Amino acid sequence: MARVTVEDCVQKVPNRFELVLLAAQRARNLSRGEELTVDRDNDKNPVVALREIADETIELGRIEQDLIKSLSRAPEPEPADEEVLDLIPTDQNIFGLQDVTAEEEAAGLPVENEDMSPEDMEAAIEAELGGRPRR
């Protein structure tokens, strides 16, 4: 890249940071297929973009708008109905814990609750162990 080209560009766009942003955006636009406003002369897109800025053959306001549009983020889309339903808590077994109350009732075992007497607890433990003594 010729130093003369950059020096010419700085006269048109005094802020070097802004110059780099505008030239990079113009180079991206050229790579997407926009028409050249100067001869390529076997130069790459960044050099062509700088030459266009130096020769004032492009409108800098349009390039700036393209840059702003490319840097702006689109808002997050609203979740679909099924995604919302996935967020609603359910009675599903999501933590890998098992509800054994129904299995105990089906096996004829007393269901554990706060009202269970110590004798019922002992009977449930013995039934679970199959008559083997506890260690």
C-alpha atoms as a PDB file:
ATOM      1  CA  MET A   1       0.000   0.000   0.000  1.00  0.00           C
ATOM      2  CA  ALA A   2       1.458   3.291  -1.044  1.00  0.00           C
ATOM      3  CA  ARG A   3       2.140   5.828   1.663  1.00  0.00           C
ATOM      4  CA  VAL A   4       0.944   8.561  -0.698  1.00  0.00           C
ATOM      5  CA  THR A   5      -2.510   6.971  -0.848  1.00  0.00           C
ATOM      6  CA  VAL A   6      -2.832   6.930   2.938  1.00  0.00           C
ATOM      7  CA  GLU A   7      -1.616  10.520   3.204  1.00  0.00           C
ATOM      8  CA  ASP A   8      -4.208  11.580   0.623  1.00  0.00           C
ATOM      9  CA  CYS A   9      -6.909   9.728   2.559  1.00  0.00           C
ATOM     10  CA  VAL A  10      -5.992  11.394   5.860  1.00  0.00           C
ATOM     11  CA  GLN A  11      -6.720  14.750   4.242  1.00  0.00           C
ATOM     12  CA  LYS A  12     -10.259  13.521   3.438  1.00  0.00           C
ATOM     13  CA  VAL A  13     -10.827  11.604   6.721  1.00  0.00           C
ATOM     14  CA  PRO A  14      -8.611  13.116   9.457  1.00  0.00           C
ATOM     15  CA  ASN A  15      -9.332  10.453  12.061  1.00  0.00           C
ATOM     16  CA  ARG A  16      -7.136   7.457  11.162  1.00  0.00           C
ATOM     17  CA  PHE A  17      -9.305   5.048  13.100  1.00  0.00           C
ATOM     18  CA  GLU A  18     -12.381   6.152  11.162  1.00  0.00           C
ATOM     19  CA  LEU A  19     -10.368   5.916   7.955  1.00  0.00           C
ATOM     20  CA  VAL A  20      -9.457   2.299   8.696  1.00  0.00           C
ATOM     21  CA  LEU A  21     -13.091   1.431   9.486  1.00  0.00           C
ATOM     22  CA  LEU A  22     -14.398   3.065   6.310  1.00  0.00           C
ATOM     23  CA  ALA A  23     -11.699   1.569   4.076  1.00  0.00           C
ATOM     24  CA  ALA A  24     -12.242  -1.900   5.558  1.00  0.00           C
ATOM     25  CA  GLN A  25     -16.005  -1.640   5.001  1.00  0.00           C
ATOM     26  CA  ARG A  26     -15.494  -0.478   1.430  1.00  0.00           C
ATOM     27  CA  ALA A  27     -13.055  -3.357   0.832  1.00  0.00           C
ATOM     28  CA  ARG A  28     -15.668  -5.811   2.144  1.00  0.00           C
ATOM     29  CA  ASN A  29     -18.270  -4.260  -0.142  1.00  0.00           C
ATOM     30  CA  LEU A  30     -15.898  -4.640  -3.092  1.00  0.00           C
ATOM     31  CA  SER A  31     -15.317  -8.291  -2.242  1.00  0.00           C
ATOM     32  CA  ARG A  32     -19.106  -8.768  -2.209  1.00  0.00           C
ATOM     33  CA  GLY A  33     -19.242  -7.533  -5.779  1.00  0.00           C
ATOM     34  CA  GLU A  34     -19.900  -3.784  -5.695  1.00  0.00           C
ATOM     35  CA  GLU A  35     -18.709  -1.815  -8.701  1.00  0.00           C
ATOM     36  CA  LEU A  36     -15.263  -0.206  -8.675  1.00  0.00           C
ATOM     37  CA  THR A  37     -15.090   3.557  -9.151  1.00  0.00           C
ATOM     38  CA  VAL A  38     -11.342   3.593 -10.007  1.00  0.00           C
ATOM     39  CA  ASP A  39      -9.159   1.286 -12.090  1.00  0.00           C
ATOM     40  CA  ARG A  40      -7.934  -1.747 -10.184  1.00  0.00           C
ATOM     41  CA  ASP A  41      -4.351  -1.616 -11.555  1.00  0.00           C
ATOM     42  CA  ASN A  42      -3.712  -5.079 -10.074  1.00  0.00           C
ATOM     43  CA  ASP A  43      -4.350  -3.728  -6.534  1.00  0.00           C
ATOM     44  CA  LYS A  44      -6.155  -5.616  -3.816  1.00  0.00           C
ATOM     45  CA  ASN A  45      -9.479  -4.472  -2.388  1.00  0.00           C
ATOM     46  CA  PRO A  46      -8.079  -2.509   0.618  1.00  0.00           C
ATOM     47  CA  VAL A  47      -5.792  -0.479  -1.647  1.00  0.00           C
ATOM     48  CA  VAL A  48      -8.610   0.123  -4.138  1.00  0.00           C
ATOM     49  CA  ALA A  49     -10.823   1.272  -1.254  1.00  0.00           C
ATOM     50  CA  LEU A  50      -8.165   3.736  -0.071  1.00  0.00           C
ATOM     51  CA  ARG A  51      -7.688   5.038  -3.619  1.00  0.00           C
ATOM     52  CA  GLU A  52     -11.452   5.546  -3.921  1.00  0.00           C
ATOM     53  CA  ILE A  53     -11.499   7.475  -0.646  1.00  0.00           C
ATOM     54  CA  ALA A  54      -8.497   9.609  -1.705  1.00  0.00           C
ATOM     55  CA  ASP A  55     -10.027  10.382  -5.112  1.00  0.00           C
ATOM     56  CA  GLU A  56     -13.461  11.044  -3.528  1.00  0.00           C
ATOM     57  CA  THR A  57     -15.181   8.767  -6.040  1.00  0.00           C
ATOM     58  CA  ILE A  58     -17.384   7.169  -3.377  1.00  0.00           C
ATOM     59  CA  GLU A  59     -19.836   8.667  -0.924  1.00  0.00           C
ATOM     60  CA  LEU A  60     -18.400   8.281   2.594  1.00  0.00           C
ATOM     61  CA  GLY A  61     -21.820   8.700   4.218  1.00  0.00           C
ATOM     62  CA  ARG A  62     -23.111   5.600   2.426  1.00  0.00           C
ATOM     63  CA  ILE A  63     -20.054   3.591   3.458  1.00  0.00           C
ATOM     64  CA  GLU A  64     -20.538   4.770   7.046  1.00  0.00           C
ATOM     65  CA  GLN A  65     -24.179   3.641   6.968  1.00  0.00           C
ATOM     66  CA  ASP A  66     -23.094   0.237   5.613  1.00  0.00           C
ATOM     67  CA  LEU A  67     -20.578  -0.002   8.452  1.00  0.00           C
ATOM     68  CA  ILE A  68     -23.162   0.869  11.106  1.00  0.00           C
ATOM     69  CA  LYS A  69     -25.583  -1.659   9.650  1.00  0.00           C
ATOM     70  CA  SER A  70     -22.936  -4.401   9.608  1.00  0.00           C
ATOM     71  CA  LEU A  71     -21.938  -3.742  13.222  1.00  0.00           C
ATOM     72  CA  SER A  72     -25.447  -3.527  14.664  1.00  0.00           C
ATOM     73  CA  ARG A  73     -26.758  -6.681  16.224  1.00  0.00           C
ATOM     74  CA  ALA A  74     -30.233  -7.931  15.526  1.00  0.00           C
ATOM     75  CA  PRO A  75     -32.405  -8.296  18.639  1.00  0.00           C
ATOM     76  CA  GLU A  76     -32.841 -11.771  20.058  1.00  0.00           C
ATOM     77  CA  PRO A  77     -35.986 -13.376  18.637  1.00  0.00           C
ATOM     78  CA  GLU A  78     -38.815 -14.163  21.012  1.00  0.00           C
ATOM     79  CA  PRO A  79     -38.862 -17.841  22.031  1.00  0.00           C
ATOM     80  CA  ALA A  80     -41.273 -20.067  20.199  1.00  0.00           C
ATOM     81  CA  ASP A  81     -44.237 -21.525  22.054  1.00  0.00           C
ATOM     82  CA  GLU A  82     -42.580 -24.910  22.523  1.00  0.00           C
ATOM     83  CA  GLU A  83     -39.467 -23.231  23.945  1.00  0.00           C
ATOM     84  CA  VAL A  84     -41.636 -21.370  26.443  1.00  0.00           C
ATOM     85  CA  LEU A  85     -43.294 -24.620  27.452  1.00  0.00           C
ATOM     86  CA  ASP A  86     -39.866 -26.133  28.071  1.00  0.00           C
ATOM     87  CA  LEU A  87     -39.170 -23.408  30.616  1.00  0.00           C
ATOM     88  CA  ILE A  88     -42.306 -24.092  32.663  1.00  0.00           C
ATOM     89  CA  PRO A  89     -41.535 -26.389  35.633  1.00  0.00           C
ATOM     90  CA  THR A  90     -43.258 -29.737  35.505  1.00  0.00           C
ATOM     91  CA  ASP A  91     -43.517 -32.824  37.659  1.00  0.00           C
ATOM     92  CA  GLN A  92     -41.098 -34.666  35.423  1.00  0.00           C
ATOM     93  CA  ASN A  93     -38.097 -36.358  36.934  1.00  0.00           C
ATOM     94  CA  ILE A  94     -35.443 -33.814  35.916  1.00  0.00           C
ATOM     95  CA  PHE A  95     -32.939 -34.480  38.683  1.00  0.00           C
ATOM     96  CA  GLY A  96     -32.777 -38.262  38.405  1.00  0.00           C
ATOM     97  CA  LEU A  97     -34.659 -38.753  41.681  1.00  0.00           C
ATOM     98  CA  GLN A  98     -37.123 -41.545  41.778  1.00  0.00           C
ATOM     99  CA  ASP A  99     -40.544 -41.434  43.398  1.00  0.00           C
ATOM    100  CA  VAL A 100     -40.839 -44.839  45.022  1.00  0.00           C
ATOM    101  CA  THR A 101     -44.157 -44.235  46.746  1.00  0.00           C
ATOM    102  CA  ALA A 102     -46.173 -45.845  43.952  1.00  0.00           C
ATOM    103  CA  GLU A 103     -43.776 -48.808  43.805  1.00  0.00           C
ATOM    104  CA  GLU A 104     -44.008 -49.346  47.574  1.00  0.00           C
ATOM    105  CA  GLU A 105     -47.800 -49.236  47.492  1.00  0.00           C
ATOM    106  CA  ALA A 106     -47.862 -51.718  44.599  1.00  0.00           C
ATOM    107  CA  ALA A 107     -45.551 -54.083  46.496  1.00  0.00           C
ATOM    108  CA  GLY A 108     -47.796 -53.924  49.571  1.00  0.00           C
ATOM    109  CA  LEU A 109     -45.207 -52.102  51.652  1.00  0.00           C
ATOM    110  CA  PRO A 110     -46.214 -49.339  53.996  1.00  0.00           C
ATOM    111  CA  VAL A 111     -45.588 -45.927  52.524  1.00  0.00           C
ATOM    112  CA  GLU A 112     -43.098 -43.800  54.448  1.00  0.00           C
ATOM    113  CA  ASN A 113     -44.463 -40.569  55.779  1.00  0.00           C
ATOM    114  CA  GLU A 114     -44.215 -38.504  58.910  1.00  0.00           C
ATOM    115  CA  ASP A 115     -47.028 -40.492  60.572  1.00  0.00           C
ATOM    116  CA  MET A 116     -45.166 -43.838  60.318  1.00  0.00           C
ATOM    117  CA  SER A 117     -44.490 -45.450  63.669  1.00  0.00           C
ATOM    118  CA  PRO A 118     -41.085 -46.895  64.558  1.00  0.00           C
ATOM    119  CA  GLU A 119     -42.576 -50.401  64.411  1.00  0.00           C
ATOM    120  CA  ASP A 120     -43.857 -49.805  60.902  1.00  0.00           C
ATOM    121  CA  MET A 121     -40.415 -48.550  59.907  1.00  0.00           C
ATOM    122  CA  GLU A 122     -38.761 -51.679  61.283  1.00  0.00           C
ATOM    123  CA  ALA A 123     -41.256 -53.865  59.423  1.00  0.00           C
ATOM    124  CA  ALA A 124     -40.621 -51.974  56.200  1.00  0.00           C
ATOM    125  CA  ILE A 125     -36.864 -52.343  56.587  1.00  0.00           C
ATOM    126  CA  GLU A 126     -37.134 -56.077  57.286  1.00  0.00           C
ATOM    127  CA  ALA A 127     -39.447 -56.516  54.318  1.00  0.00           C
ATOM    128  CA  GLU A 128     -36.989 -54.661  52.143  1.00  0.00           C
ATOM    129  CA  LEU A 129     -34.091 -56.799  53.336  1.00  0.00           C
ATOM    130  CA  GLY A 130     -36.118 -59.970  52.797  1.00  0.00           C
ATOM    131  CA  GLY A 131     -35.824 -61.184  56.369  1.00  0.00           C
ATOM    132  CA  ARG A 132     -32.060 -60.734  56.555  1.00  0.00           C
ATOM    133  CA  PRO A 133     -30.787 -59.108  59.703  1.00  0.00           C
ATOM    134  CA  ARG A 134     -29.603 -55.500  59.522  1.00  0.00           C
ATOM    135  CA  ARG A 135     -25.913 -54.896  59.965  1.00  0.00           C
END
